[in-house]
Amino acid sequence: MNSSPPKHLLHGADAAAPFDSREFRDALGRFATGVAVVTAISPAGEPLGLTISSFNSVSLTPPLVLWSLMQTSASLPAFRAVSHFAVNVLSAEQQPLAEQFARRGADRWAGVVHAPGPSGTPLLDGAIATFECRSHSHLDAGDHVIFLGEVLHCTHRTGVPPLLYHGGRFYTEHPL
């Protein structure tokens, strides 16, 4: 009996990746994610916000979450400087809000209903879950920065369908 791994698995640890960045991005797009807007107040007192699909839990004790942002984002210096941020998980009805916070050069906050949470961070009206966080740390990782936050407060609503992102598209109608 042969216990060797199949030949296609016998690549060296430093073998060149047999794919290009577009193929990698397209493959990652097959993983469906929720959609959220990260919000904060800049050190200058201005509201910050941007749409993300890179949100994960890290730890229950202590309660930690993470999200990531491209190194080239114009918002990066401001988010590196904040002491608190909130992750607002969007409902299926909030696709226009996701699109608004994804636009470059636009007033992302125009007409957005929000209220300050206990830490003063803007919380978006209608979000199906919110996670108010103290900035814990950030880590440069390739072309992104990973932001780690300690959750101070969280809320959620049940029975409301989430906004999903898959294959470069938003999905609002889906069976749960």
N, C-alpha and C. Protein backbone atom coordinates (compact mmCIF):
# COMPACT_ATOMS: atom_id res chain seq x y z
N MET A 1 0.84 -1.18 0.00
CA MET A 1 0.00 0.00 0.00
C MET A 1 0.88 1.23 0.00
N ASN A 2 0.62 2.16 -0.89
CA ASN A 2 1.40 3.38 -1.03
C ASN A 2 0.77 4.47 -0.18
N SER A 3 1.54 5.07 0.72
CA SER A 3 1.01 6.15 1.57
C SER A 3 1.54 7.50 1.14
N SER A 4 2.16 7.60 -0.03
CA SER A 4 2.67 8.88 -0.53
C SER A 4 1.51 9.75 -0.99
N PRO A 5 1.67 11.08 -0.84
CA PRO A 5 0.62 11.96 -1.36
C PRO A 5 0.59 11.93 -2.88
N PRO A 6 -0.54 12.25 -3.48
CA PRO A 6 -0.63 12.30 -4.94
C PRO A 6 0.42 13.25 -5.51
N LYS A 7 0.89 12.96 -6.74
CA LYS A 7 1.95 13.77 -7.35
C LYS A 7 1.59 15.24 -7.44
N HIS A 8 0.30 15.57 -7.65
CA HIS A 8 -0.07 16.98 -7.77
C HIS A 8 0.07 17.73 -6.45
N LEU A 9 0.26 17.01 -5.34
CA LEU A 9 0.46 17.65 -4.04
C LEU A 9 1.93 17.73 -3.65
N LEU A 10 2.82 17.24 -4.51
CA LEU A 10 4.24 17.19 -4.18
C LEU A 10 4.98 18.43 -4.66
N HIS A 11 4.43 19.59 -4.45
CA HIS A 11 5.09 20.85 -4.80
C HIS A 11 5.91 21.31 -3.62
N GLY A 12 7.01 21.95 -3.90
CA GLY A 12 7.82 22.52 -2.83
C GLY A 12 7.09 23.67 -2.16
N ALA A 13 7.46 23.97 -0.93
CA ALA A 13 6.81 25.02 -0.16
C ALA A 13 6.91 26.37 -0.86
N ASP A 14 7.95 26.56 -1.66
CA ASP A 14 8.15 27.85 -2.33
C ASP A 14 7.79 27.80 -3.81
N ALA A 15 7.05 26.79 -4.23
CA ALA A 15 6.67 26.67 -5.63
C ALA A 15 5.84 27.88 -6.05
N ALA A 16 6.07 28.36 -7.27
CA ALA A 16 5.32 29.51 -7.78
C ALA A 16 3.84 29.16 -7.90
N ALA A 17 3.00 30.12 -7.58
CA ALA A 17 1.56 29.91 -7.68
C ALA A 17 1.17 29.72 -9.15
N PRO A 18 0.40 28.66 -9.47
CA PRO A 18 0.03 28.39 -10.85
C PRO A 18 -1.21 29.16 -11.29
N PHE A 19 -1.37 30.40 -10.85
CA PHE A 19 -2.54 31.20 -11.19
C PHE A 19 -2.15 32.67 -11.13
N ASP A 20 -2.97 33.51 -11.77
CA ASP A 20 -2.70 34.94 -11.72
C ASP A 20 -3.62 35.60 -10.70
N SER A 21 -3.42 36.89 -10.46
CA SER A 21 -4.19 37.58 -9.42
C SER A 21 -5.68 37.65 -9.76
N ARG A 22 -6.03 37.73 -11.04
CA ARG A 22 -7.45 37.76 -11.43
C ARG A 22 -8.11 36.43 -11.10
N GLU A 23 -7.41 35.33 -11.39
CA GLU A 23 -7.96 34.01 -11.08
C GLU A 23 -8.13 33.85 -9.56
N PHE A 24 -7.15 34.34 -8.80
CA PHE A 24 -7.23 34.27 -7.34
C PHE A 24 -8.43 35.07 -6.84
N ARG A 25 -8.59 36.28 -7.35
CA ARG A 25 -9.73 37.12 -6.94
C ARG A 25 -11.06 36.47 -7.30
N ASP A 26 -11.15 35.92 -8.51
CA ASP A 26 -12.38 35.26 -8.94
C ASP A 26 -12.69 34.04 -8.06
N ALA A 27 -11.66 33.29 -7.70
CA ALA A 27 -11.87 32.12 -6.82
C ALA A 27 -12.34 32.57 -5.45
N LEU A 28 -11.76 33.64 -4.91
CA LEU A 28 -12.20 34.16 -3.61
C LEU A 28 -13.66 34.62 -3.67
N GLY A 29 -14.07 35.15 -4.83
CA GLY A 29 -15.44 35.61 -5.01
C GLY A 29 -16.48 34.52 -4.94
N ARG A 30 -16.07 33.27 -5.00
CA ARG A 30 -17.01 32.15 -4.86
C ARG A 30 -17.44 31.96 -3.42
N PHE A 31 -16.77 32.61 -2.48
CA PHE A 31 -17.14 32.52 -1.07
C PHE A 31 -18.13 33.64 -0.78
N ALA A 32 -19.36 33.28 -0.49
CA ALA A 32 -20.39 34.29 -0.20
C ALA A 32 -20.11 34.91 1.17
N THR A 33 -20.28 36.21 1.25
CA THR A 33 -20.07 36.92 2.51
C THR A 33 -21.24 37.83 2.80
N GLY A 34 -21.32 38.27 4.02
CA GLY A 34 -22.23 39.33 4.37
C GLY A 34 -21.61 40.65 3.95
N VAL A 35 -22.38 41.71 4.05
CA VAL A 35 -21.90 43.05 3.70
C VAL A 35 -22.10 43.94 4.91
N ALA A 36 -21.10 44.76 5.19
CA ALA A 36 -21.17 45.66 6.35
C ALA A 36 -20.59 47.01 5.97
N VAL A 37 -20.88 47.98 6.80
CA VAL A 37 -20.26 49.30 6.69
C VAL A 37 -19.52 49.54 8.00
N VAL A 38 -18.22 49.83 7.89
CA VAL A 38 -17.42 50.19 9.06
C VAL A 38 -17.52 51.69 9.22
N THR A 39 -17.82 52.13 10.45
CA THR A 39 -17.95 53.56 10.73
C THR A 39 -17.05 53.93 11.90
N ALA A 40 -16.70 55.20 11.93
CA ALA A 40 -15.87 55.73 13.01
C ALA A 40 -15.95 57.24 12.99
N ILE A 41 -15.38 57.85 13.99
CA ILE A 41 -15.22 59.30 14.03
C ILE A 41 -13.72 59.57 13.96
N SER A 42 -13.30 60.37 12.98
CA SER A 42 -11.88 60.66 12.81
C SER A 42 -11.38 61.49 13.99
N PRO A 43 -10.07 61.54 14.20
CA PRO A 43 -9.53 62.39 15.26
C PRO A 43 -9.94 63.86 15.11
N ALA A 44 -10.27 64.27 13.87
CA ALA A 44 -10.72 65.65 13.62
C ALA A 44 -12.22 65.82 13.86
N GLY A 45 -12.91 64.72 14.23
CA GLY A 45 -14.34 64.79 14.53
C GLY A 45 -15.25 64.54 13.34
N GLU A 46 -14.70 64.14 12.21
CA GLU A 46 -15.49 63.87 11.01
C GLU A 46 -15.94 62.41 10.98
N PRO A 47 -17.17 62.13 10.52
CA PRO A 47 -17.59 60.73 10.41
C PRO A 47 -16.88 60.04 9.25
N LEU A 48 -16.50 58.80 9.47
CA LEU A 48 -15.87 57.97 8.46
C LEU A 48 -16.78 56.78 8.20
N GLY A 49 -16.73 56.24 7.00
CA GLY A 49 -17.49 55.04 6.71
C GLY A 49 -17.11 54.45 5.38
N LEU A 50 -17.11 53.13 5.31
CA LEU A 50 -16.85 52.44 4.05
C LEU A 50 -17.45 51.04 4.09
N THR A 51 -17.80 50.55 2.90
CA THR A 51 -18.40 49.23 2.76
C THR A 51 -17.32 48.16 2.76
N ILE A 52 -17.58 47.07 3.48
CA ILE A 52 -16.64 45.95 3.52
C ILE A 52 -17.40 44.63 3.35
N SER A 53 -16.68 43.63 2.90
CA SER A 53 -17.20 42.27 2.94
C SER A 53 -16.17 41.36 3.63
N SER A 54 -15.16 41.98 4.20
CA SER A 54 -14.08 41.24 4.87
C SER A 54 -14.22 41.38 6.39
N PHE A 55 -15.19 40.71 6.95
CA PHE A 55 -15.45 40.79 8.39
C PHE A 55 -15.51 39.39 8.96
N ASN A 56 -14.82 39.17 10.08
CA ASN A 56 -14.81 37.85 10.71
C ASN A 56 -14.74 37.99 12.22
N SER A 57 -15.27 36.98 12.89
CA SER A 57 -15.04 36.87 14.33
C SER A 57 -13.65 36.27 14.52
N VAL A 58 -13.01 36.62 15.63
CA VAL A 58 -11.68 36.11 15.93
C VAL A 58 -11.70 35.32 17.24
N SER A 59 -12.38 35.87 18.25
CA SER A 59 -12.34 35.27 19.58
C SER A 59 -13.62 35.62 20.34
N LEU A 60 -14.10 34.66 21.14
CA LEU A 60 -15.23 34.94 22.02
C LEU A 60 -14.77 35.52 23.35
N THR A 61 -13.60 35.06 23.84
CA THR A 61 -13.07 35.54 25.11
C THR A 61 -11.60 35.86 24.93
N PRO A 62 -11.23 37.12 24.82
CA PRO A 62 -12.10 38.29 24.80
C PRO A 62 -12.82 38.39 23.45
N PRO A 63 -13.89 39.16 23.39
CA PRO A 63 -14.64 39.28 22.13
C PRO A 63 -13.87 40.15 21.13
N LEU A 64 -13.35 39.50 20.07
CA LEU A 64 -12.56 40.19 19.05
C LEU A 64 -13.12 39.91 17.67
N VAL A 65 -13.07 40.93 16.81
CA VAL A 65 -13.45 40.80 15.40
C VAL A 65 -12.36 41.44 14.56
N LEU A 66 -12.40 41.13 13.24
CA LEU A 66 -11.45 41.77 12.33
C LEU A 66 -12.13 42.14 11.03
N TRP A 67 -11.52 43.10 10.36
CA TRP A 67 -11.89 43.48 9.00
C TRP A 67 -10.62 43.97 8.33
N SER A 68 -10.64 44.10 7.01
CA SER A 68 -9.42 44.54 6.32
C SER A 68 -9.72 45.63 5.31
N LEU A 69 -8.65 46.38 4.99
CA LEU A 69 -8.75 47.53 4.10
C LEU A 69 -7.50 47.57 3.23
N MET A 70 -7.67 47.89 1.95
CA MET A 70 -6.52 47.97 1.04
C MET A 70 -5.54 49.05 1.48
N GLN A 71 -4.27 48.76 1.29
CA GLN A 71 -3.20 49.70 1.63
C GLN A 71 -3.34 51.01 0.85
N THR A 72 -3.95 50.96 -0.33
CA THR A 72 -4.07 52.14 -1.18
C THR A 72 -5.33 52.97 -0.90
N SER A 73 -6.15 52.54 0.04
CA SER A 73 -7.39 53.26 0.34
C SER A 73 -7.10 54.65 0.89
N ALA A 74 -7.83 55.63 0.39
CA ALA A 74 -7.69 56.99 0.90
C ALA A 74 -8.12 57.08 2.36
N SER A 75 -8.95 56.15 2.82
CA SER A 75 -9.43 56.15 4.20
C SER A 75 -8.45 55.52 5.19
N LEU A 76 -7.42 54.88 4.69
CA LEU A 76 -6.53 54.13 5.56
C LEU A 76 -5.90 54.97 6.68
N PRO A 77 -5.32 56.14 6.41
CA PRO A 77 -4.72 56.90 7.51
C PRO A 77 -5.73 57.25 8.60
N ALA A 78 -6.94 57.60 8.21
CA ALA A 78 -7.96 57.96 9.20
C ALA A 78 -8.34 56.75 10.05
N PHE A 79 -8.54 55.59 9.42
CA PHE A 79 -8.92 54.40 10.20
C PHE A 79 -7.78 53.91 11.08
N ARG A 80 -6.53 54.11 10.65
CA ARG A 80 -5.40 53.75 11.51
C ARG A 80 -5.38 54.61 12.78
N ALA A 81 -5.92 55.83 12.68
CA ALA A 81 -5.83 56.79 13.78
C ALA A 81 -6.99 56.73 14.78
N VAL A 82 -8.07 56.04 14.45
CA VAL A 82 -9.24 56.06 15.33
C VAL A 82 -9.04 55.16 16.54
N SER A 83 -9.69 55.54 17.64
CA SER A 83 -9.63 54.72 18.85
C SER A 83 -10.77 53.71 18.91
N HIS A 84 -11.86 53.98 18.18
CA HIS A 84 -13.03 53.11 18.16
C HIS A 84 -13.58 53.03 16.74
N PHE A 85 -14.24 51.93 16.43
CA PHE A 85 -14.96 51.80 15.16
C PHE A 85 -16.16 50.89 15.40
N ALA A 86 -17.08 50.92 14.46
CA ALA A 86 -18.25 50.03 14.52
C ALA A 86 -18.40 49.31 13.20
N VAL A 87 -18.79 48.05 13.28
CA VAL A 87 -19.13 47.27 12.10
C VAL A 87 -20.65 47.15 12.10
N ASN A 88 -21.28 47.66 11.05
CA ASN A 88 -22.73 47.66 10.89
C ASN A 88 -23.08 46.64 9.81
N VAL A 89 -23.63 45.50 10.19
CA VAL A 89 -23.99 44.44 9.23
C VAL A 89 -25.31 44.84 8.57
N LEU A 90 -25.32 44.86 7.24
CA LEU A 90 -26.47 45.38 6.50
C LEU A 90 -27.52 44.33 6.20
N SER A 91 -28.76 44.81 6.14
CA SER A 91 -29.89 43.96 5.75
C SER A 91 -30.02 43.98 4.23
N ALA A 92 -30.79 43.04 3.70
CA ALA A 92 -31.02 42.96 2.26
C ALA A 92 -31.61 44.26 1.72
N GLU A 93 -32.36 44.98 2.53
CA GLU A 93 -32.96 46.24 2.10
C GLU A 93 -31.96 47.39 2.01
N GLN A 94 -30.75 47.18 2.49
CA GLN A 94 -29.77 48.26 2.56
C GLN A 94 -28.72 48.23 1.45
N GLN A 95 -29.01 47.56 0.34
CA GLN A 95 -28.06 47.55 -0.78
C GLN A 95 -27.70 48.97 -1.22
N PRO A 96 -28.67 49.91 -1.34
CA PRO A 96 -28.28 51.27 -1.74
C PRO A 96 -27.28 51.91 -0.75
N LEU A 97 -27.41 51.59 0.52
CA LEU A 97 -26.47 52.10 1.52
C LEU A 97 -25.08 51.51 1.30
N ALA A 98 -25.01 50.22 1.00
CA ALA A 98 -23.72 49.57 0.71
C ALA A 98 -23.07 50.24 -0.50
N GLU A 99 -23.85 50.52 -1.52
CA GLU A 99 -23.32 51.17 -2.72
C GLU A 99 -22.87 52.59 -2.42
N GLN A 100 -23.62 53.31 -1.60
CA GLN A 100 -23.27 54.69 -1.25
C GLN A 100 -21.93 54.74 -0.50
N PHE A 101 -21.73 53.84 0.46
CA PHE A 101 -20.50 53.84 1.23
C PHE A 101 -19.32 53.22 0.48
N ALA A 102 -19.59 52.65 -0.70
CA ALA A 102 -18.51 52.11 -1.54
C ALA A 102 -18.02 53.13 -2.56
N ARG A 103 -18.76 54.23 -2.76
CA ARG A 103 -18.39 55.22 -3.77
C ARG A 103 -17.20 56.06 -3.32
N ARG A 104 -16.32 56.31 -4.27
CA ARG A 104 -15.18 57.19 -4.02
C ARG A 104 -15.57 58.61 -4.38
N GLY A 105 -15.09 59.56 -3.61
CA GLY A 105 -15.28 60.96 -3.94
C GLY A 105 -16.67 61.51 -3.69
N ALA A 106 -17.56 60.72 -3.13
CA ALA A 106 -18.93 61.17 -2.87
C ALA A 106 -19.10 61.42 -1.37
N ASP A 107 -20.13 62.18 -1.03
CA ASP A 107 -20.47 62.36 0.39
C ASP A 107 -21.19 61.09 0.83
N ARG A 108 -20.45 60.20 1.44
CA ARG A 108 -21.01 58.91 1.84
C ARG A 108 -22.09 59.05 2.90
N TRP A 109 -22.09 60.13 3.64
CA TRP A 109 -23.04 60.29 4.74
C TRP A 109 -24.31 61.05 4.35
N ALA A 110 -24.43 61.49 3.10
CA ALA A 110 -25.60 62.27 2.66
C ALA A 110 -26.88 61.46 2.86
N GLY A 111 -27.77 61.96 3.69
CA GLY A 111 -29.06 61.34 3.92
C GLY A 111 -29.04 60.08 4.76
N VAL A 112 -27.92 59.73 5.35
CA VAL A 112 -27.80 58.50 6.12
C VAL A 112 -28.29 58.71 7.56
N VAL A 113 -29.26 57.90 7.96
CA VAL A 113 -29.79 57.98 9.31
C VAL A 113 -28.89 57.15 10.23
N HIS A 114 -28.37 57.80 11.25
CA HIS A 114 -27.48 57.13 12.20
C HIS A 114 -27.56 57.82 13.55
N ALA A 115 -27.05 57.15 14.56
CA ALA A 115 -27.01 57.71 15.91
C ALA A 115 -25.71 57.24 16.57
N PRO A 116 -25.19 58.03 17.48
CA PRO A 116 -23.97 57.59 18.16
C PRO A 116 -24.26 56.44 19.13
N GLY A 117 -23.37 55.45 19.11
CA GLY A 117 -23.45 54.36 20.07
C GLY A 117 -22.82 54.80 21.38
N PRO A 118 -22.75 53.92 22.36
CA PRO A 118 -22.17 54.27 23.66
C PRO A 118 -20.76 54.84 23.59
N SER A 119 -19.98 54.42 22.59
CA SER A 119 -18.61 54.95 22.47
C SER A 119 -18.55 56.18 21.58
N GLY A 120 -19.70 56.64 21.06
CA GLY A 120 -19.74 57.80 20.18
C GLY A 120 -19.60 57.45 18.72
N THR A 121 -19.38 56.20 18.41
CA THR A 121 -19.22 55.76 17.02
C THR A 121 -20.58 55.74 16.33
N PRO A 122 -20.66 56.23 15.08
CA PRO A 122 -21.94 56.21 14.37
C PRO A 122 -22.45 54.80 14.13
N LEU A 123 -23.71 54.56 14.51
CA LEU A 123 -24.37 53.28 14.24
C LEU A 123 -25.47 53.54 13.21
N LEU A 124 -25.51 52.74 12.16
CA LEU A 124 -26.45 52.95 11.06
C LEU A 124 -27.82 52.40 11.39
N ASP A 125 -28.83 53.22 11.17
CA ASP A 125 -30.21 52.80 11.38
C ASP A 125 -30.54 51.66 10.43
N GLY A 126 -31.17 50.61 10.95
CA GLY A 126 -31.61 49.49 10.12
C GLY A 126 -30.61 48.35 10.01
N ALA A 127 -29.39 48.51 10.55
CA ALA A 127 -28.42 47.42 10.49
C ALA A 127 -28.98 46.20 11.24
N ILE A 128 -28.66 45.01 10.75
CA ILE A 128 -29.17 43.81 11.42
C ILE A 128 -28.28 43.39 12.59
N ALA A 129 -27.06 43.91 12.63
CA ALA A 129 -26.17 43.71 13.77
C ALA A 129 -25.17 44.84 13.79
N THR A 130 -24.77 45.25 14.98
CA THR A 130 -23.71 46.24 15.14
C THR A 130 -22.71 45.73 16.16
N PHE A 131 -21.46 46.04 15.91
CA PHE A 131 -20.36 45.68 16.81
C PHE A 131 -19.55 46.93 17.05
N GLU A 132 -19.68 47.53 18.22
CA GLU A 132 -18.87 48.69 18.57
C GLU A 132 -17.58 48.20 19.19
N CYS A 133 -16.48 48.67 18.65
CA CYS A 133 -15.18 48.13 19.04
C CYS A 133 -14.19 49.21 19.44
N ARG A 134 -13.33 48.84 20.37
CA ARG A 134 -12.13 49.62 20.66
C ARG A 134 -11.06 49.08 19.73
N SER A 135 -10.34 49.95 19.04
CA SER A 135 -9.26 49.50 18.17
C SER A 135 -8.24 48.75 19.01
N HIS A 136 -8.00 47.53 18.66
CA HIS A 136 -7.06 46.68 19.39
C HIS A 136 -5.67 46.74 18.75
N SER A 137 -5.62 46.50 17.44
CA SER A 137 -4.35 46.54 16.72
C SER A 137 -4.63 46.49 15.23
N HIS A 138 -3.60 46.76 14.43
CA HIS A 138 -3.69 46.55 12.99
C HIS A 138 -2.39 45.93 12.52
N LEU A 139 -2.50 45.16 11.46
CA LEU A 139 -1.39 44.40 10.95
C LEU A 139 -1.31 44.57 9.44
N ASP A 140 -0.16 45.02 8.96
CA ASP A 140 0.06 45.08 7.52
C ASP A 140 0.19 43.65 7.02
N ALA A 141 -0.61 43.30 6.01
CA ALA A 141 -0.60 41.94 5.47
C ALA A 141 -0.78 42.02 3.96
N GLY A 142 0.32 41.96 3.23
CA GLY A 142 0.25 42.06 1.78
C GLY A 142 -0.26 43.43 1.36
N ASP A 143 -1.26 43.44 0.48
CA ASP A 143 -1.79 44.72 0.00
C ASP A 143 -2.94 45.24 0.85
N HIS A 144 -3.15 44.65 2.03
CA HIS A 144 -4.21 45.07 2.95
C HIS A 144 -3.66 45.33 4.35
N VAL A 145 -4.47 46.00 5.14
CA VAL A 145 -4.22 46.15 6.57
C VAL A 145 -5.38 45.45 7.28
N ILE A 146 -5.07 44.61 8.23
CA ILE A 146 -6.07 43.91 9.02
C ILE A 146 -6.29 44.71 10.30
N PHE A 147 -7.53 45.09 10.56
CA PHE A 147 -7.90 45.82 11.76
C PHE A 147 -8.56 44.85 12.74
N LEU A 148 -8.04 44.80 13.93
CA LEU A 148 -8.58 43.95 14.98
C LEU A 148 -9.25 44.86 16.00
N GLY A 149 -10.47 44.51 16.40
CA GLY A 149 -11.21 45.31 17.37
C GLY A 149 -11.74 44.47 18.52
N GLU A 150 -11.68 45.04 19.71
CA GLU A 150 -12.29 44.41 20.88
C GLU A 150 -13.72 44.91 20.97
N VAL A 151 -14.68 44.00 20.92
CA VAL A 151 -16.09 44.37 20.92
C VAL A 151 -16.48 44.84 22.33
N LEU A 152 -17.00 46.08 22.39
CA LEU A 152 -17.45 46.66 23.66
C LEU A 152 -18.96 46.54 23.82
N HIS A 153 -19.67 46.65 22.69
CA HIS A 153 -21.14 46.58 22.67
C HIS A 153 -21.54 45.91 21.36
N CYS A 154 -22.62 45.15 21.41
CA CYS A 154 -23.16 44.60 20.16
C CYS A 154 -24.68 44.50 20.29
N THR A 155 -25.33 44.58 19.14
CA THR A 155 -26.78 44.45 19.06
C THR A 155 -27.10 43.60 17.84
N HIS A 156 -28.31 43.05 17.80
CA HIS A 156 -28.74 42.34 16.59
C HIS A 156 -30.25 42.30 16.53
N ARG A 157 -30.75 42.10 15.28
CA ARG A 157 -32.17 41.92 15.04
C ARG A 157 -32.34 40.56 14.39
N THR A 158 -33.39 39.85 14.77
CA THR A 158 -33.65 38.53 14.19
C THR A 158 -34.75 38.64 13.13
N GLY A 159 -34.80 37.66 12.26
CA GLY A 159 -35.86 37.59 11.25
C GLY A 159 -35.70 38.57 10.11
N VAL A 160 -34.55 39.21 9.95
CA VAL A 160 -34.32 40.17 8.88
C VAL A 160 -33.25 39.58 7.96
N PRO A 161 -33.55 39.44 6.66
CA PRO A 161 -32.56 38.84 5.76
C PRO A 161 -31.33 39.75 5.57
N PRO A 162 -30.15 39.12 5.49
CA PRO A 162 -28.92 39.89 5.30
C PRO A 162 -28.69 40.24 3.84
N LEU A 163 -27.86 41.26 3.62
CA LEU A 163 -27.35 41.57 2.29
C LEU A 163 -26.12 40.68 2.09
N LEU A 164 -26.09 39.96 0.98
CA LEU A 164 -24.97 39.06 0.69
C LEU A 164 -24.20 39.54 -0.53
N TYR A 165 -22.94 39.13 -0.59
CA TYR A 165 -22.06 39.46 -1.70
C TYR A 165 -21.41 38.17 -2.18
N HIS A 166 -21.52 37.91 -3.50
CA HIS A 166 -20.97 36.68 -4.07
C HIS A 166 -20.64 36.92 -5.53
N GLY A 167 -19.44 36.54 -5.93
CA GLY A 167 -19.07 36.66 -7.34
C GLY A 167 -19.12 38.07 -7.86
N GLY A 168 -18.83 39.06 -7.01
CA GLY A 168 -18.82 40.45 -7.44
C GLY A 168 -20.19 41.10 -7.52
N ARG A 169 -21.22 40.44 -6.96
CA ARG A 169 -22.59 40.99 -7.02
C ARG A 169 -23.24 40.92 -5.65
N PHE A 170 -24.17 41.86 -5.42
CA PHE A 170 -25.00 41.84 -4.23
C PHE A 170 -26.18 40.91 -4.47
N TYR A 171 -26.61 40.26 -3.40
CA TYR A 171 -27.80 39.40 -3.45
C TYR A 171 -28.74 39.83 -2.32
N THR A 172 -29.97 40.14 -2.71
CA THR A 172 -30.96 40.59 -1.72
C THR A 172 -32.12 39.61 -1.58
N GLU A 173 -32.33 38.76 -2.58
CA GLU A 173 -33.42 37.80 -2.52
C GLU A 173 -32.83 36.40 -2.47
N HIS A 174 -33.05 35.74 -1.35
CA HIS A 174 -32.50 34.40 -1.19
C HIS A 174 -33.26 33.70 -0.08
N PRO A 175 -33.41 32.39 -0.21
CA PRO A 175 -34.04 31.65 0.89
C PRO A 175 -33.05 31.48 2.03
N LEU A 176 -33.55 31.58 3.23
CA LEU A 176 -32.67 31.36 4.41
C LEU A 176 -33.12 30.12 5.14
